[in-house]
C-alpha atoms as a PDB file:
ATOM      1  CA  GLN A   1     150.774 199.370  46.515  1.00  0.00           C
ATOM      2  CA  VAL A   2     153.777 197.487  47.590  1.00  0.00           C
ATOM      3  CA  GLN A   3     155.427 197.339  50.532  1.00  0.00           C
ATOM      4  CA  LEU A   4     158.996 196.241  50.742  1.00  0.00           C
ATOM      5  CA  VAL A   5     161.213 195.271  54.142  1.00  0.00           C
ATOM      6  CA  GLU A   6     164.720 194.537  54.172  1.00  0.00           C
ATOM      7  CA  SER A   7     166.817 192.730  56.619  1.00  0.00           C
ATOM      8  CA  GLY A   8     170.256 190.972  56.779  1.00  0.00           C
ATOM      9  CA  GLY A   9     172.597 194.263  57.283  1.00  0.00           C
ATOM     10  CA  ASP A  10     175.296 193.705  59.611  1.00  0.00           C
ATOM     11  CA  LEU A  11     179.005 194.667  60.621  1.00  0.00           C
ATOM     12  CA  VAL A  12     181.760 192.431  58.665  1.00  0.00           C
ATOM     13  CA  GLN A  13     185.101 192.587  58.552  1.00  0.00           C
ATOM     14  CA  PRO A  14     186.641 192.666  54.979  1.00  0.00           C
ATOM     15  CA  GLY A  15     186.423 189.479  53.012  1.00  0.00           C
ATOM     16  CA  GLY A  16     183.282 188.431  54.699  1.00  0.00           C
ATOM     17  CA  SER A  17     179.846 187.453  53.394  1.00  0.00           C
ATOM     18  CA  LEU A  18     176.368 188.845  54.036  1.00  0.00           C
ATOM     19  CA  ARG A  19     173.036 187.922  52.471  1.00  0.00           C
ATOM     20  CA  LEU A  20     170.531 190.553  52.538  1.00  0.00           C
ATOM     21  CA  SER A  21     166.823 189.914  52.179  1.00  0.00           C
ATOM     22  CA  CYS A  22     163.807 192.060  50.788  1.00  0.00           C
ATOM     23  CA  THR A  23     160.316 190.627  51.543  1.00  0.00           C
ATOM     24  CA  ALA A  24     157.491 192.154  49.407  1.00  0.00           C
ATOM     25  CA  SER A  25     154.068 192.440  50.319  1.00  0.00           C
ATOM     26  CA  GLY A  26     150.647 193.973  48.672  1.00  0.00           C
ATOM     27  CA  SER A  27     150.403 194.213  44.857  1.00  0.00           C
ATOM     28  CA  ILE A  28     152.990 191.737  44.529  1.00  0.00           C
ATOM     29  CA  SER A  29     151.790 190.911  41.100  1.00  0.00           C
ATOM     30  CA  SER A  30     152.335 194.173  39.546  1.00  0.00           C
ATOM     31  CA  ILE A  31     156.163 194.002  40.287  1.00  0.00           C
ATOM     32  CA  ASN A  32     158.012 193.886  36.866  1.00  0.00           C
ATOM     33  CA  VAL A  33     161.898 194.670  38.563  1.00  0.00           C
ATOM     34  CA  LEU A  34     163.524 194.215  41.905  1.00  0.00           C
ATOM     35  CA  GLY A  35     166.542 195.532  42.918  1.00  0.00           C
ATOM     36  CA  TRP A  36     169.116 196.597  45.224  1.00  0.00           C
ATOM     37  CA  TYR A  37     170.499 200.197  45.306  1.00  0.00           C
ATOM     38  CA  ARG A  38     173.048 201.498  48.188  1.00  0.00           C
ATOM     39  CA  GLN A  39     173.900 204.826  49.625  1.00  0.00           C
ATOM     40  CA  ALA A  40     177.346 205.399  51.238  1.00  0.00           C
ATOM     41  CA  PRO A  41     177.611 208.876  53.572  1.00  0.00           C
ATOM     42  CA  GLY A  42     178.198 211.746  51.327  1.00  0.00           C
ATOM     43  CA  LYS A  43     177.331 209.829  48.144  1.00  0.00           C
ATOM     44  CA  GLU A  44     174.730 209.726  45.822  1.00  0.00           C
ATOM     45  CA  ARG A  45     172.254 206.622  45.756  1.00  0.00           C
ATOM     46  CA  GLU A  46     173.714 203.859  43.313  1.00  0.00           C
ATOM     47  CA  LEU A  47     172.419 200.991  41.645  1.00  0.00           C
ATOM     48  CA  VAL A  48     173.905 197.285  42.999  1.00  0.00           C
ATOM     49  CA  ALA A  49     171.841 194.896  41.167  1.00  0.00           C
ATOM     50  CA  THR A  50     168.658 194.196  39.532  1.00  0.00           C
ATOM     51  CA  ILE A  51     166.484 191.247  38.588  1.00  0.00           C
ATOM     52  CA  SER A  52     163.865 191.332  36.203  1.00  0.00           C
ATOM     53  CA  SER A  53     160.752 188.833  36.546  1.00  0.00           C
ATOM     54  CA  ILE A  54     162.057 186.375  34.283  1.00  0.00           C
ATOM     55  CA  GLY A  55     165.275 186.391  36.141  1.00  0.00           C
ATOM     56  CA  ILE A  56     167.473 188.770  33.776  1.00  0.00           C
ATOM     57  CA  THR A  57     169.859 190.251  36.323  1.00  0.00           C
ATOM     58  CA  ASN A  58     172.137 193.135  35.994  1.00  0.00           C
ATOM     59  CA  PHE A  59     174.940 194.407  37.957  1.00  0.00           C
ATOM     60  CA  ALA A  60     177.008 197.745  38.908  1.00  0.00           C
ATOM     61  CA  ASP A  61     180.664 196.958  37.497  1.00  0.00           C
ATOM     62  CA  SER A  62     182.281 197.431  40.853  1.00  0.00           C
ATOM     63  CA  VAL A  63     180.122 194.053  42.617  1.00  0.00           C
ATOM     64  CA  LYS A  64     180.344 191.807  39.381  1.00  0.00           C
ATOM     65  CA  GLY A  65     181.837 188.671  40.546  1.00  0.00           C
ATOM     66  CA  ARG A  66     181.239 189.333  44.089  1.00  0.00           C
ATOM     67  CA  PHE A  67     177.536 190.129  44.505  1.00  0.00           C
ATOM     68  CA  THR A  68     174.434 187.399  43.176  1.00  0.00           C
ATOM     69  CA  ILE A  69     170.994 188.371  43.268  1.00  0.00           C
ATOM     70  CA  SER A  70     168.100 186.086  43.347  1.00  0.00           C
ATOM     71  CA  ARG A  71     164.272 186.090  43.670  1.00  0.00           C
ATOM     72  CA  ASP A  72     162.031 183.297  45.511  1.00  0.00           C
ATOM     73  CA  TYR A  73     158.669 183.825  44.370  1.00  0.00           C
ATOM     74  CA  ILE A  74     157.200 181.263  46.521  1.00  0.00           C
ATOM     75  CA  ARG A  75     158.302 183.574  49.377  1.00  0.00           C
ATOM     76  CA  ASN A  76     158.330 186.816  47.551  1.00  0.00           C
ATOM     77  CA  THR A  77     161.569 187.628  49.247  1.00  0.00           C
ATOM     78  CA  MET A  78     164.536 188.561  47.075  1.00  0.00           C
ATOM     79  CA  TYR A  79     168.092 188.189  48.195  1.00  0.00           C
ATOM     80  CA  LEU A  80     171.260 189.584  47.979  1.00  0.00           C
ATOM     81  CA  GLN A  81     174.444 187.535  48.380  1.00  0.00           C
ATOM     82  CA  MET A  82     177.387 189.704  49.094  1.00  0.00           C
ATOM     83  CA  ASN A  83     180.869 187.845  48.896  1.00  0.00           C
ATOM     84  CA  SER A  84     184.121 189.568  49.339  1.00  0.00           C
ATOM     85  CA  LEU A  85     183.447 192.446  51.057  1.00  0.00           C
ATOM     86  CA  LYS A  86     185.559 195.518  51.175  1.00  0.00           C
ATOM     87  CA  PRO A  87     185.163 198.483  52.890  1.00  0.00           C
ATOM     88  CA  GLU A  88     183.827 200.674  50.015  1.00  0.00           C
ATOM     89  CA  ASP A  89     180.823 198.069  50.003  1.00  0.00           C
ATOM     90  CA  THR A  90     179.674 199.921  53.344  1.00  0.00           C
ATOM     91  CA  ALA A  91     176.707 201.615  52.628  1.00  0.00           C
ATOM     92  CA  VAL A  92     172.866 201.701  53.662  1.00  0.00           C
ATOM     93  CA  TYR A  93     171.302 198.954  51.376  1.00  0.00           C
ATOM     94  CA  TYR A  94     167.723 200.006  50.069  1.00  0.00           C
ATOM     95  CA  CYS A  95     165.343 197.231  48.395  1.00  0.00           C
ATOM     96  CA  TYR A  96     163.889 198.765  45.325  1.00  0.00           C
ATOM     97  CA  ALA A  97     160.556 197.563  43.338  1.00  0.00           C
ATOM     98  CA  GLN A  98     159.615 198.886  39.653  1.00  0.00           C
ATOM     99  CA  ALA A  99     155.731 198.276  39.558  1.00  0.00           C
ATOM    100  CA  THR A 100     153.067 200.823  38.713  1.00  0.00           C
ATOM    101  CA  PHE A 101     155.205 203.074  40.596  1.00  0.00           C
ATOM    102  CA  ASP A 102     158.715 202.891  42.023  1.00  0.00           C
ATOM    103  CA  TYR A 103     158.860 201.486  45.706  1.00  0.00           C
ATOM    104  CA  TRP A 104     161.725 201.621  48.232  1.00  0.00           C
ATOM    105  CA  GLY A 105     162.388 199.778  51.877  1.00  0.00           C
ATOM    106  CA  ARG A 106     163.311 201.481  54.375  1.00  0.00           C
ATOM    107  CA  GLY A 107     167.106 200.803  54.078  1.00  0.00           C
ATOM    108  CA  THR A 108     169.340 197.937  56.042  1.00  0.00           C
ATOM    109  CA  GLN A 109     173.177 199.192  57.148  1.00  0.00           C
ATOM    110  CA  VAL A 110     175.815 197.004  56.058  1.00  0.00           C
ATOM    111  CA  THR A 111     179.217 198.130  57.501  1.00  0.00           C
ATOM    112  CA  VAL A 112     182.432 196.677  56.296  1.00  0.00           C
ATOM    113  CA  SER A 113     185.302 197.127  58.478  1.00  0.00           C
ATOM    114  CA  SER A 114     188.180 195.213  60.515  1.00  0.00           C
END
C-alpha cells in the first residue's frame, strides 16, 4: 500500500508560480513512477508530468518549458514547480504513483485567475 498526500494548491494570478508537493508513505520502495495528473471541470483527467525512479521525466506538451518535476528521495516527496501559469492550468491536480498497483492522492485545487 502507498499513501499519497498533495499540498500547495492555491489561487494565483496568470503569469504566477506555484509549487505542488506530494508526500508518499507506506511501501515506498515499490514505487516505480511518480507523476501528476490534472482534471479541469467538465474534462477528463490528463497527464501533466511523470518522473521515474531513475529520474527520467515526461511532460505534457501543454506544460513543457513551464513546469518542472522533481523527487526528494530523503523526504519521500515529489514536487511540481509550475511557472508562467495560465487560466487553462486551472484544475484539480492529483499525485499518482505506479507501484505494484496504481495509487492516487485526493487532489489539490489550482486556480489561475485575475
